[in-house]
PDB file of all heavy atoms in Angstrom:
ATOM      1  N   THR A   1      12.582   4.720   0.278  1.00  0.00           N
ATOM      2  CA  THR A   1      13.656   3.804  -0.105  1.00  0.00           C
ATOM      3  C   THR A   1      13.866   3.877  -1.608  1.00  0.00           C
ATOM      4  O   THR A   1      12.910   3.985  -2.376  1.00  0.00           O
ATOM      5  CB  THR A   1      13.312   2.365   0.331  1.00  0.00           C
ATOM      6  OG1 THR A   1      13.053   2.373   1.734  1.00  0.00           O
ATOM      7  CG2 THR A   1      14.442   1.411   0.042  1.00  0.00           C
ATOM      8  N   ASP A   2      15.121   3.832  -2.023  1.00  0.00           N
ATOM      9  CA  ASP A   2      15.475   3.972  -3.427  1.00  0.00           C
ATOM     10  C   ASP A   2      15.175   2.682  -4.191  1.00  0.00           C
ATOM     11  O   ASP A   2      16.042   1.832  -4.369  1.00  0.00           O
ATOM     12  CB  ASP A   2      16.946   4.350  -3.551  1.00  0.00           C
ATOM     13  CG  ASP A   2      17.285   4.910  -4.919  1.00  0.00           C
ATOM     14  OD1 ASP A   2      16.357   5.237  -5.680  1.00  0.00           O
ATOM     15  OD2 ASP A   2      18.492   5.001  -5.225  1.00  0.00           O
ATOM     16  N   LEU A   3      13.920   2.544  -4.595  1.00  0.00           N
ATOM     17  CA  LEU A   3      13.435   1.385  -5.341  1.00  0.00           C
ATOM     18  C   LEU A   3      12.737   1.866  -6.605  1.00  0.00           C
ATOM     19  O   LEU A   3      12.104   2.925  -6.605  1.00  0.00           O
ATOM     20  CB  LEU A   3      12.430   0.592  -4.504  1.00  0.00           C
ATOM     21  CG  LEU A   3      12.965  -0.100  -3.257  1.00  0.00           C
ATOM     22  CD1 LEU A   3      11.815  -0.480  -2.326  1.00  0.00           C
ATOM     23  CD2 LEU A   3      13.759  -1.338  -3.660  1.00  0.00           C
ATOM     24  N   LYS A   4      12.825   1.074  -7.653  1.00  0.00           N
ATOM     25  CA  LYS A   4      12.082   1.399  -8.876  1.00  0.00           C
ATOM     26  C   LYS A   4      10.599   1.107  -8.681  1.00  0.00           C
ATOM     27  O   LYS A   4       9.751   1.832  -9.192  1.00  0.00           O
ATOM     28  CB  LYS A   4      12.614   0.590 -10.061  1.00  0.00           C
ATOM     29  CG  LYS A   4      14.038   0.924 -10.475  1.00  0.00           C
ATOM     30  CD  LYS A   4      14.146   2.257 -11.127  1.00  0.00           C
ATOM     31  CE  LYS A   4      13.761   2.171 -12.581  1.00  0.00           C
ATOM     32  NZ  LYS A   4      13.896   3.429 -13.293  1.00  0.00           N
ATOM     33  N   ALA A   5      10.301   0.008  -7.990  1.00  0.00           N
ATOM     34  CA  ALA A   5       8.910  -0.400  -7.838  1.00  0.00           C
ATOM     35  C   ALA A   5       8.742  -1.242  -6.583  1.00  0.00           C
ATOM     36  O   ALA A   5       9.689  -1.874  -6.119  1.00  0.00           O
ATOM     37  CB  ALA A   5       8.470  -1.209  -9.060  1.00  0.00           C
ATOM     38  N   VAL A   6       7.510  -1.229  -6.065  1.00  0.00           N
ATOM     39  CA  VAL A   6       7.113  -2.161  -5.010  1.00  0.00           C
ATOM     40  C   VAL A   6       5.784  -2.781  -5.420  1.00  0.00           C
ATOM     41  O   VAL A   6       4.944  -2.125  -6.048  1.00  0.00           O
ATOM     42  CB  VAL A   6       6.994  -1.509  -3.613  1.00  0.00           C
ATOM     43  CG1 VAL A   6       8.318  -0.936  -3.164  1.00  0.00           C
ATOM     44  CG2 VAL A   6       5.908  -0.475  -3.562  1.00  0.00           C
ATOM     45  N   VAL A   7       5.632  -4.061  -5.064  1.00  0.00           N
ATOM     46  CA  VAL A   7       4.392  -4.779  -5.336  1.00  0.00           C
ATOM     47  C   VAL A   7       3.973  -5.463  -4.046  1.00  0.00           C
ATOM     48  O   VAL A   7       4.740  -6.225  -3.462  1.00  0.00           O
ATOM     49  CB  VAL A   7       4.565  -5.832  -6.452  1.00  0.00           C
ATOM     50  CG1 VAL A   7       3.238  -6.555  -6.711  1.00  0.00           C
ATOM     51  CG2 VAL A   7       5.102  -5.197  -7.728  1.00  0.00           C
ATOM     52  N   SER A   8       2.753  -5.181  -3.615  1.00  0.00           N
ATOM     53  CA  SER A   8       2.196  -5.768  -2.402  1.00  0.00           C
ATOM     54  C   SER A   8       1.066  -6.717  -2.765  1.00  0.00           C
ATOM     55  O   SER A   8       0.056  -6.303  -3.331  1.00  0.00           O
ATOM     56  CB  SER A   8       1.666  -4.666  -1.477  1.00  0.00           C
ATOM     57  OG  SER A   8       0.974  -5.222  -0.383  1.00  0.00           O
ATOM     58  N   PHE A   9       1.252  -8.008  -2.464  1.00  0.00           N
ATOM     59  CA  PHE A   9       0.204  -9.008  -2.610  1.00  0.00           C
ATOM     60  C   PHE A   9      -0.458  -9.181  -1.245  1.00  0.00           C
ATOM     61  O   PHE A   9       0.208  -9.530  -0.274  1.00  0.00           O
ATOM     62  CB  PHE A   9       0.788 -10.361  -3.029  1.00  0.00           C
ATOM     63  CG  PHE A   9       1.262 -10.439  -4.444  1.00  0.00           C
ATOM     64  CD1 PHE A   9       2.533 -10.021  -4.791  1.00  0.00           C
ATOM     65  CD2 PHE A   9       0.443 -10.975  -5.431  1.00  0.00           C
ATOM     66  CE1 PHE A   9       2.980 -10.128  -6.095  1.00  0.00           C
ATOM     67  CE2 PHE A   9       0.888 -11.087  -6.732  1.00  0.00           C
ATOM     68  CZ  PHE A   9       2.165 -10.654  -7.077  1.00  0.00           C
ATOM     69  N   HIS A  10      -1.733  -8.948  -1.160  1.00  0.00           N
ATOM     70  CA  HIS A  10      -2.561  -9.063   0.042  1.00  0.00           C
ATOM     71  C   HIS A  10      -1.871  -8.596   1.316  1.00  0.00           C
ATOM     72  O   HIS A  10      -1.903  -9.237   2.360  1.00  0.00           O
ATOM     73  CB  HIS A  10      -3.173 -10.459   0.210  1.00  0.00           C
ATOM     74  CG  HIS A  10      -2.278 -11.627  -0.039  1.00  0.00           C
ATOM     75  ND1 HIS A  10      -1.396 -12.100   0.897  1.00  0.00           N
ATOM     76  CD2 HIS A  10      -2.144 -12.424  -1.125  1.00  0.00           C
ATOM     77  CE1 HIS A  10      -0.767 -13.150   0.409  1.00  0.00           C
ATOM     78  NE2 HIS A  10      -1.197 -13.359  -0.812  1.00  0.00           N
ATOM     79  N   GLY A  11      -1.237  -7.416   1.226  1.00  0.00           N
ATOM     80  CA  GLY A  11      -0.616  -6.809   2.405  1.00  0.00           C
ATOM     81  C   GLY A  11      -1.594  -5.910   3.141  1.00  0.00           C
ATOM     82  O   GLY A  11      -2.572  -5.430   2.559  1.00  0.00           O
ATOM     83  N   VAL A  12      -1.327  -5.683   4.409  1.00  0.00           N
ATOM     84  CA  VAL A  12      -2.101  -4.710   5.186  1.00  0.00           C
ATOM     85  C   VAL A  12      -1.729  -3.326   4.661  1.00  0.00           C
ATOM     86  O   VAL A  12      -0.547  -3.018   4.474  1.00  0.00           O
ATOM     87  CB  VAL A  12      -1.791  -4.849   6.687  1.00  0.00           C
ATOM     88  CG1 VAL A  12      -2.395  -3.711   7.484  1.00  0.00           C
ATOM     89  CG2 VAL A  12      -2.293  -6.201   7.199  1.00  0.00           C
ATOM     90  N   LEU A  13      -2.718  -2.493   4.422  1.00  0.00           N
ATOM     91  CA  LEU A  13      -2.480  -1.180   3.818  1.00  0.00           C
ATOM     92  C   LEU A  13      -2.365  -0.060   4.841  1.00  0.00           C
ATOM     93  O   LEU A  13      -1.786   0.986   4.556  1.00  0.00           O
ATOM     94  CB  LEU A  13      -3.603  -0.852   2.827  1.00  0.00           C
ATOM     95  CG  LEU A  13      -3.835  -1.913   1.738  1.00  0.00           C
ATOM     96  CD1 LEU A  13      -5.001  -1.498   0.855  1.00  0.00           C
ATOM     97  CD2 LEU A  13      -2.585  -2.145   0.930  1.00  0.00           C
ATOM     98  N   ALA A  14      -2.916  -0.261   6.024  1.00  0.00           N
ATOM     99  CA  ALA A  14      -2.876   0.767   7.061  1.00  0.00           C
ATOM    100  C   ALA A  14      -1.458   0.910   7.605  1.00  0.00           C
ATOM    101  O   ALA A  14      -0.672  -0.038   7.584  1.00  0.00           O
ATOM    102  CB  ALA A  14      -3.831   0.391   8.195  1.00  0.00           C
ATOM    103  N   THR A  15      -1.136   2.117   8.067  1.00  0.00           N
ATOM    104  CA  THR A  15       0.192   2.387   8.609  1.00  0.00           C
ATOM    105  C   THR A  15       0.104   3.411   9.730  1.00  0.00           C
ATOM    106  O   THR A  15      -0.828   4.213   9.761  1.00  0.00           O
ATOM    107  CB  THR A  15       1.148   2.899   7.518  1.00  0.00           C
ATOM    108  OG1 THR A  15       2.457   3.068   8.078  1.00  0.00           O
ATOM    109  CG2 THR A  15       0.678   4.210   6.919  1.00  0.00           C
ATOM    110  N   LYS A  16       1.081   3.390  10.599  1.00  0.00           N
ATOM    111  CA  LYS A  16       1.188   4.413  11.648  1.00  0.00           C
ATOM    112  C   LYS A  16       2.019   5.601  11.159  1.00  0.00           C
ATOM    113  O   LYS A  16       2.099   6.611  11.850  1.00  0.00           O
ATOM    114  CB  LYS A  16       1.820   3.811  12.900  1.00  0.00           C
ATOM    115  CG  LYS A  16       0.919   2.819  13.603  1.00  0.00           C
ATOM    116  CD  LYS A  16       1.501   2.403  14.924  1.00  0.00           C
ATOM    117  CE  LYS A  16       0.589   1.481  15.671  1.00  0.00           C
ATOM    118  NZ  LYS A  16      -0.528   2.140  16.303  1.00  0.00           N
ATOM    119  N   ALA A  17       2.663   5.464   9.989  1.00  0.00           N
ATOM    120  CA  ALA A  17       3.523   6.525   9.464  1.00  0.00           C
ATOM    121  C   ALA A  17       3.241   6.720   7.962  1.00  0.00           C
ATOM    122  O   ALA A  17       3.978   6.219   7.122  1.00  0.00           O
ATOM    123  CB  ALA A  17       4.990   6.171   9.699  1.00  0.00           C
ATOM    124  N   PRO A  18       2.155   7.423   7.625  1.00  0.00           N
ATOM    125  CA  PRO A  18       1.810   7.624   6.213  1.00  0.00           C
ATOM    126  C   PRO A  18       2.924   8.321   5.433  1.00  0.00           C
ATOM    127  O   PRO A  18       3.754   9.036   5.999  1.00  0.00           O
ATOM    128  CB  PRO A  18       0.563   8.503   6.273  1.00  0.00           C
ATOM    129  CG  PRO A  18       0.034   8.351   7.653  1.00  0.00           C
ATOM    130  CD  PRO A  18       1.221   8.081   8.522  1.00  0.00           C
ATOM    131  N   ALA A  19       2.898   8.105   4.136  1.00  0.00           N
ATOM    132  CA  ALA A  19       3.871   8.731   3.245  1.00  0.00           C
ATOM    133  C   ALA A  19       3.765  10.248   3.327  1.00  0.00           C
ATOM    134  O   ALA A  19       2.672  10.802   3.426  1.00  0.00           O
ATOM    135  CB  ALA A  19       3.631   8.279   1.811  1.00  0.00           C
ATOM    136  N   LEU A  20       4.908  10.884   3.280  1.00  0.00           N
ATOM    137  CA  LEU A  20       4.960  12.340   3.265  1.00  0.00           C
ATOM    138  C   LEU A  20       5.046  12.829   1.822  1.00  0.00           C
ATOM    139  O   LEU A  20       5.565  12.130   0.946  1.00  0.00           O
ATOM    140  CB  LEU A  20       6.169  12.828   4.054  1.00  0.00           C
ATOM    141  CG  LEU A  20       6.205  12.418   5.527  1.00  0.00           C
ATOM    142  CD1 LEU A  20       7.518  12.852   6.168  1.00  0.00           C
ATOM    143  CD2 LEU A  20       5.007  12.994   6.270  1.00  0.00           C
ATOM    144  N   ALA A  21       4.585  14.024   1.580  1.00  0.00           N
ATOM    145  CA  ALA A  21       4.597  14.592   0.235  1.00  0.00           C
ATOM    146  C   ALA A  21       5.996  14.558  -0.357  1.00  0.00           C
ATOM    147  O   ALA A  21       6.962  14.977   0.278  1.00  0.00           O
ATOM    148  CB  ALA A  21       4.069  16.026   0.262  1.00  0.00           C
ATOM    149  N   GLY A  22       6.068  14.017  -1.570  1.00  0.00           N
ATOM    150  CA  GLY A  22       7.329  13.984  -2.297  1.00  0.00           C
ATOM    151  C   GLY A  22       8.318  12.913  -1.871  1.00  0.00           C
ATOM    152  O   GLY A  22       9.397  12.821  -2.435  1.00  0.00           O
ATOM    153  N   LYS A  23       7.976  12.094  -0.898  1.00  0.00           N
ATOM    154  CA  LYS A  23       8.937  11.133  -0.363  1.00  0.00           C
ATOM    155  C   LYS A  23       8.995   9.816  -1.150  1.00  0.00           C
ATOM    156  O   LYS A  23      10.062   9.229  -1.284  1.00  0.00           O
ATOM    157  CB  LYS A  23       8.606  10.844   1.102  1.00  0.00           C
ATOM    158  CG  LYS A  23       9.607   9.962   1.780  1.00  0.00           C
ATOM    159  CD  LYS A  23      10.104  10.567   3.042  1.00  0.00           C
ATOM    160  CE  LYS A  23      11.182   9.683   3.626  1.00  0.00           C
ATOM    161  NZ  LYS A  23      11.696  10.118   4.864  1.00  0.00           N
ATOM    162  N   VAL A  24       7.858   9.337  -1.671  1.00  0.00           N
ATOM    163  CA  VAL A  24       7.807   8.040  -2.345  1.00  0.00           C
ATOM    164  C   VAL A  24       8.471   8.148  -3.713  1.00  0.00           C
ATOM    165  O   VAL A  24       8.065   8.944  -4.549  1.00  0.00           O
ATOM    166  CB  VAL A  24       6.351   7.539  -2.477  1.00  0.00           C
ATOM    167  CG1 VAL A  24       6.298   6.228  -3.258  1.00  0.00           C
ATOM    168  CG2 VAL A  24       5.717   7.373  -1.103  1.00  0.00           C
ATOM    169  N   LYS A  25       9.501   7.310  -3.916  1.00  0.00           N
ATOM    170  CA  LYS A  25      10.219   7.280  -5.195  1.00  0.00           C
ATOM    171  C   LYS A  25       9.749   6.145  -6.093  1.00  0.00           C
ATOM    172  O   LYS A  25       9.861   6.219  -7.306  1.00  0.00           O
ATOM    173  CB  LYS A  25      11.717   7.108  -4.937  1.00  0.00           C
ATOM    174  CG  LYS A  25      12.345   8.210  -4.129  1.00  0.00           C
ATOM    175  CD  LYS A  25      13.787   7.866  -3.803  1.00  0.00           C
ATOM    176  CE  LYS A  25      14.371   8.862  -2.823  1.00  0.00           C
ATOM    177  NZ  LYS A  25      15.704   8.444  -2.346  1.00  0.00           N
ATOM    178  N   ALA A  26       9.284   5.073  -5.488  1.00  0.00           N
ATOM    179  CA  ALA A  26       8.934   3.858  -6.221  1.00  0.00           C
ATOM    180  C   ALA A  26       7.567   3.968  -6.882  1.00  0.00           C
ATOM    181  O   ALA A  26       6.664   4.642  -6.374  1.00  0.00           O
ATOM    182  CB  ALA A  26       8.926   2.668  -5.257  1.00  0.00           C
ATOM    183  N   SER A  27       7.413   3.263  -7.997  1.00  0.00           N
ATOM    184  CA  SER A  27       6.083   2.995  -8.531  1.00  0.00           C
ATOM    185  C   SER A  27       5.471   1.934  -7.621  1.00  0.00           C
ATOM    186  O   SER A  27       6.172   1.038  -7.154  1.00  0.00           O
ATOM    187  CB  SER A  27       6.188   2.465  -9.966  1.00  0.00           C
ATOM    188  OG  SER A  27       6.702   3.458 -10.823  1.00  0.00           O
ATOM    189  N   VAL A  28       4.173   2.047  -7.363  1.00  0.00           N
ATOM    190  CA  VAL A  28       3.524   1.196  -6.364  1.00  0.00           C
ATOM    191  C   VAL A  28       2.352   0.444  -6.990  1.00  0.00           C
ATOM    192  O   VAL A  28       1.487   1.045  -7.623  1.00  0.00           O
ATOM    193  CB  VAL A  28       2.998   2.051  -5.185  1.00  0.00           C
ATOM    194  CG1 VAL A  28       2.279   1.187  -4.161  1.00  0.00           C
ATOM    195  CG2 VAL A  28       4.138   2.842  -4.537  1.00  0.00           C
ATOM    196  N   LEU A  29       2.348  -0.873  -6.777  1.00  0.00           N
ATOM    197  CA  LEU A  29       1.234  -1.718  -7.195  1.00  0.00           C
ATOM    198  C   LEU A  29       0.750  -2.502  -5.988  1.00  0.00           C
ATOM    199  O   LEU A  29       1.526  -3.216  -5.351  1.00  0.00           O
ATOM    200  CB  LEU A  29       1.659  -2.690  -8.305  1.00  0.00           C
ATOM    201  CG  LEU A  29       0.628  -3.739  -8.724  1.00  0.00           C
ATOM    202  CD1 LEU A  29      -0.648  -3.091  -9.273  1.00  0.00           C
ATOM    203  CD2 LEU A  29       1.226  -4.695  -9.756  1.00  0.00           C
ATOM    204  N   VAL A  30      -0.534  -2.354  -5.679  1.00  0.00           N
ATOM    205  CA  VAL A  30      -1.173  -3.089  -4.590  1.00  0.00           C
ATOM    206  C   VAL A  30      -2.181  -4.051  -5.209  1.00  0.00           C
ATOM    207  O   VAL A  30      -3.038  -3.636  -5.990  1.00  0.00           O
ATOM    208  CB  VAL A  30      -1.878  -2.127  -3.610  1.00  0.00           C
ATOM    209  CG1 VAL A  30      -2.747  -2.893  -2.626  1.00  0.00           C
ATOM    210  CG2 VAL A  30      -0.859  -1.271  -2.883  1.00  0.00           C
ATOM    211  N   LEU A  31      -2.071  -5.316  -4.833  1.00  0.00           N
ATOM    212  CA  LEU A  31      -2.970  -6.360  -5.305  1.00  0.00           C
ATOM    213  C   LEU A  31      -3.696  -6.918  -4.080  1.00  0.00           C
ATOM    214  O   LEU A  31      -3.060  -7.484  -3.188  1.00  0.00           O
ATOM    215  CB  LEU A  31      -2.164  -7.452  -6.016  1.00  0.00           C
ATOM    216  CG  LEU A  31      -1.278  -6.913  -7.156  1.00  0.00           C
ATOM    217  CD1 LEU A  31      -0.193  -7.891  -7.523  1.00  0.00           C
ATOM    218  CD2 LEU A  31      -2.134  -6.552  -8.353  1.00  0.00           C
ATOM    219  N   THR A  32      -5.001  -6.732  -4.029  1.00  0.00           N
ATOM    220  CA  THR A  32      -5.747  -7.061  -2.814  1.00  0.00           C
ATOM    221  C   THR A  32      -7.071  -7.729  -3.152  1.00  0.00           C
ATOM    222  O   THR A  32      -7.555  -7.637  -4.280  1.00  0.00           O
ATOM    223  CB  THR A  32      -5.961  -5.791  -1.957  1.00  0.00           C
ATOM    224  OG1 THR A  32      -6.442  -6.158  -0.671  1.00  0.00           O
ATOM    225  CG2 THR A  32      -6.893  -4.805  -2.621  1.00  0.00           C
ATOM    226  N   GLY A  33      -7.640  -8.387  -2.178  1.00  0.00           N
ATOM    227  CA  GLY A  33      -8.933  -9.034  -2.349  1.00  0.00           C
ATOM    228  C   GLY A  33     -10.055  -8.169  -1.807  1.00  0.00           C
ATOM    229  O   GLY A  33      -9.915  -7.538  -0.752  1.00  0.00           O
ATOM    230  N   ALA A  34     -11.170  -8.166  -2.500  1.00  0.00           N
ATOM    231  CA  ALA A  34     -12.322  -7.362  -2.078  1.00  0.00           C
ATOM    232  C   ALA A  34     -12.881  -7.824  -0.737  1.00  0.00           C
ATOM    233  O   ALA A  34     -13.515  -7.043  -0.034  1.00  0.00           O
ATOM    234  CB  ALA A  34     -13.413  -7.415  -3.145  1.00  0.00           C
ATOM    235  N   ASN A  35     -12.617  -9.081  -0.369  1.00  0.00           N
ATOM    236  CA  ASN A  35     -13.126  -9.628   0.882  1.00  0.00           C
ATOM    237  C   ASN A  35     -12.006  -9.912   1.877  1.00  0.00           C
ATOM    238  O   ASN A  35     -12.156 -10.759   2.755  1.00  0.00           O
ATOM    239  CB  ASN A  35     -13.916 -10.914   0.616  1.00  0.00           C
ATOM    240  CG  ASN A  35     -15.048 -10.675  -0.345  1.00  0.00           C
ATOM    241  OD1 ASN A  35     -14.927 -10.986  -1.521  1.00  0.00           O
ATOM    242  ND2 ASN A  35     -16.132 -10.098   0.132  1.00  0.00           N
ATOM    243  N   ASP A  36     -10.901  -9.193   1.752  1.00  0.00           N
ATOM    244  CA  ASP A  36      -9.765  -9.387   2.656  1.00  0.00           C
ATOM    245  C   ASP A  36     -10.052  -8.666   3.964  1.00  0.00           C
ATOM    246  O   ASP A  36     -10.132  -7.440   3.992  1.00  0.00           O
ATOM    247  CB  ASP A  36      -8.485  -8.838   2.012  1.00  0.00           C
ATOM    248  CG  ASP A  36      -7.234  -9.127   2.813  1.00  0.00           C
ATOM    249  OD1 ASP A  36      -7.337  -9.384   4.032  1.00  0.00           O
ATOM    250  OD2 ASP A  36      -6.140  -9.089   2.223  1.00  0.00           O
ATOM    251  N   PRO A  37     -10.192  -9.417   5.072  1.00  0.00           N
ATOM    252  CA  PRO A  37     -10.485  -8.749   6.339  1.00  0.00           C
ATOM    253  C   PRO A  37      -9.319  -7.907   6.864  1.00  0.00           C
ATOM    254  O   PRO A  37      -9.518  -7.048   7.722  1.00  0.00           O
ATOM    255  CB  PRO A  37     -10.785  -9.916   7.292  1.00  0.00           C
ATOM    256  CG  PRO A  37     -10.080 -11.086   6.700  1.00  0.00           C
ATOM    257  CD  PRO A  37     -10.104 -10.869   5.219  1.00  0.00           C
ATOM    258  N   LEU A  38      -8.109  -8.113   6.329  1.00  0.00           N
ATOM    259  CA  LEU A  38      -6.952  -7.338   6.763  1.00  0.00           C
ATOM    260  C   LEU A  38      -6.729  -6.091   5.910  1.00  0.00           C
ATOM    261  O   LEU A  38      -5.882  -5.254   6.236  1.00  0.00           O
ATOM    262  CB  LEU A  38      -5.697  -8.211   6.754  1.00  0.00           C
ATOM    263  CG  LEU A  38      -5.771  -9.451   7.652  1.00  0.00           C
ATOM    264  CD1 LEU A  38      -4.498 -10.279   7.533  1.00  0.00           C
ATOM    265  CD2 LEU A  38      -6.040  -9.067   9.091  1.00  0.00           C
ATOM    266  N   ALA A  39      -7.474  -5.966   4.823  1.00  0.00           N
ATOM    267  CA  ALA A  39      -7.428  -4.771   3.971  1.00  0.00           C
ATOM    268  C   ALA A  39      -8.854  -4.460   3.515  1.00  0.00           C
ATOM    269  O   ALA A  39      -9.173  -4.546   2.330  1.00  0.00           O
ATOM    270  CB  ALA A  39      -6.503  -5.000   2.779  1.00  0.00           C
ATOM    271  N   PRO A  40      -9.715  -4.097   4.462  1.00  0.00           N
ATOM    272  CA  PRO A  40     -11.115  -3.826   4.117  1.00  0.00           C
ATOM    273  C   PRO A  40     -11.237  -2.587   3.222  1.00  0.00           C
ATOM    274  O   PRO A  40     -10.289  -1.804   3.095  1.00  0.00           O
ATOM    275  CB  PRO A  40     -11.785  -3.614   5.472  1.00  0.00           C
ATOM    276  CG  PRO A  40     -10.682  -3.210   6.391  1.00  0.00           C
ATOM    277  CD  PRO A  40      -9.436  -3.886   5.892  1.00  0.00           C
ATOM    278  N   PRO A  41     -12.399  -2.421   2.602  1.00  0.00           N
ATOM    279  CA  PRO A  41     -12.586  -1.307   1.664  1.00  0.00           C
ATOM    280  C   PRO A  41     -12.210   0.063   2.223  1.00  0.00           C
ATOM    281  O   PRO A  41     -11.654   0.891   1.489  1.00  0.00           O
ATOM    282  CB  PRO A  41     -14.079  -1.381   1.313  1.00  0.00           C
ATOM    283  CG  PRO A  41     -14.415  -2.827   1.474  1.00  0.00           C
ATOM    284  CD  PRO A  41     -13.583  -3.297   2.648  1.00  0.00           C
ATOM    285  N   ASP A  42     -12.464   0.323   3.500  1.00  0.00           N
ATOM    286  CA  ASP A  42     -12.101   1.637   4.033  1.00  0.00           C
ATOM    287  C   ASP A  42     -10.586   1.808   4.102  1.00  0.00           C
ATOM    288  O   ASP A  42     -10.071   2.917   3.922  1.00  0.00           O
ATOM    289  CB  ASP A  42     -12.760   1.904   5.384  1.00  0.00           C
ATOM    290  CG  ASP A  42     -12.399   0.890   6.453  1.00  0.00           C
ATOM    291  OD1 ASP A  42     -12.306  -0.315   6.157  1.00  0.00           O
ATOM    292  OD2 ASP A  42     -12.234   1.305   7.624  1.00  0.00           O
ATOM    293  N   HIS A  43      -9.838   0.728   4.292  1.00  0.00           N
ATOM    294  CA  HIS A  43      -8.370   0.815   4.278  1.00  0.00           C
ATOM    295  C   HIS A  43      -7.861   1.039   2.856  1.00  0.00           C
ATOM    296  O   HIS A  43      -6.884   1.767   2.652  1.00  0.00           O
ATOM    297  CB  HIS A  43      -7.750  -0.451   4.858  1.00  0.00           C
ATOM    298  CG  HIS A  43      -7.948  -0.608   6.334  1.00  0.00           C
ATOM    299  ND1 HIS A  43      -7.174  -1.434   7.091  1.00  0.00           N
ATOM    300  CD2 HIS A  43      -8.833  -0.035   7.188  1.00  0.00           C
ATOM    301  CE1 HIS A  43      -7.562  -1.381   8.348  1.00  0.00           C
ATOM    302  NE2 HIS A  43      -8.583  -0.535   8.428  1.00  0.00           N
ATOM    303  N   VAL A  44      -8.521   0.403   1.889  1.00  0.00           N
ATOM    304  CA  VAL A  44      -8.151   0.606   0.490  1.00  0.00           C
ATOM    305  C   VAL A  44      -8.375   2.074   0.110  1.00  0.00           C
ATOM    306  O   VAL A  44      -7.514   2.709  -0.504  1.00  0.00           O
ATOM    307  CB  VAL A  44      -8.920  -0.349  -0.444  1.00  0.00           C
ATOM    308  CG1 VAL A  44      -8.621  -0.050  -1.909  1.00  0.00           C
ATOM    309  CG2 VAL A  44      -8.585  -1.808  -0.117  1.00  0.00           C
ATOM    310  N   ALA A  45      -9.514   2.614   0.496  1.00  0.00           N
ATOM    311  CA  ALA A  45      -9.812   4.022   0.208  1.00  0.00           C
ATOM    312  C   ALA A  45      -8.816   4.941   0.911  1.00  0.00           C
ATOM    313  O   ALA A  45      -8.334   5.916   0.320  1.00  0.00           O
ATOM    314  CB  ALA A  45     -11.240   4.354   0.632  1.00  0.00           C
TER     315      ALA A  45
END
């Protein structure tokens, strides 16, 4: 999507359709909690 930036506050990071090479146009900022059960460390990685 033609966006300058996206910011995710405690969003789920997993997806069924990962980004394809060269497709992401936006700058991306993810803000998450270390103890968020919906975005565990393996999802962050």
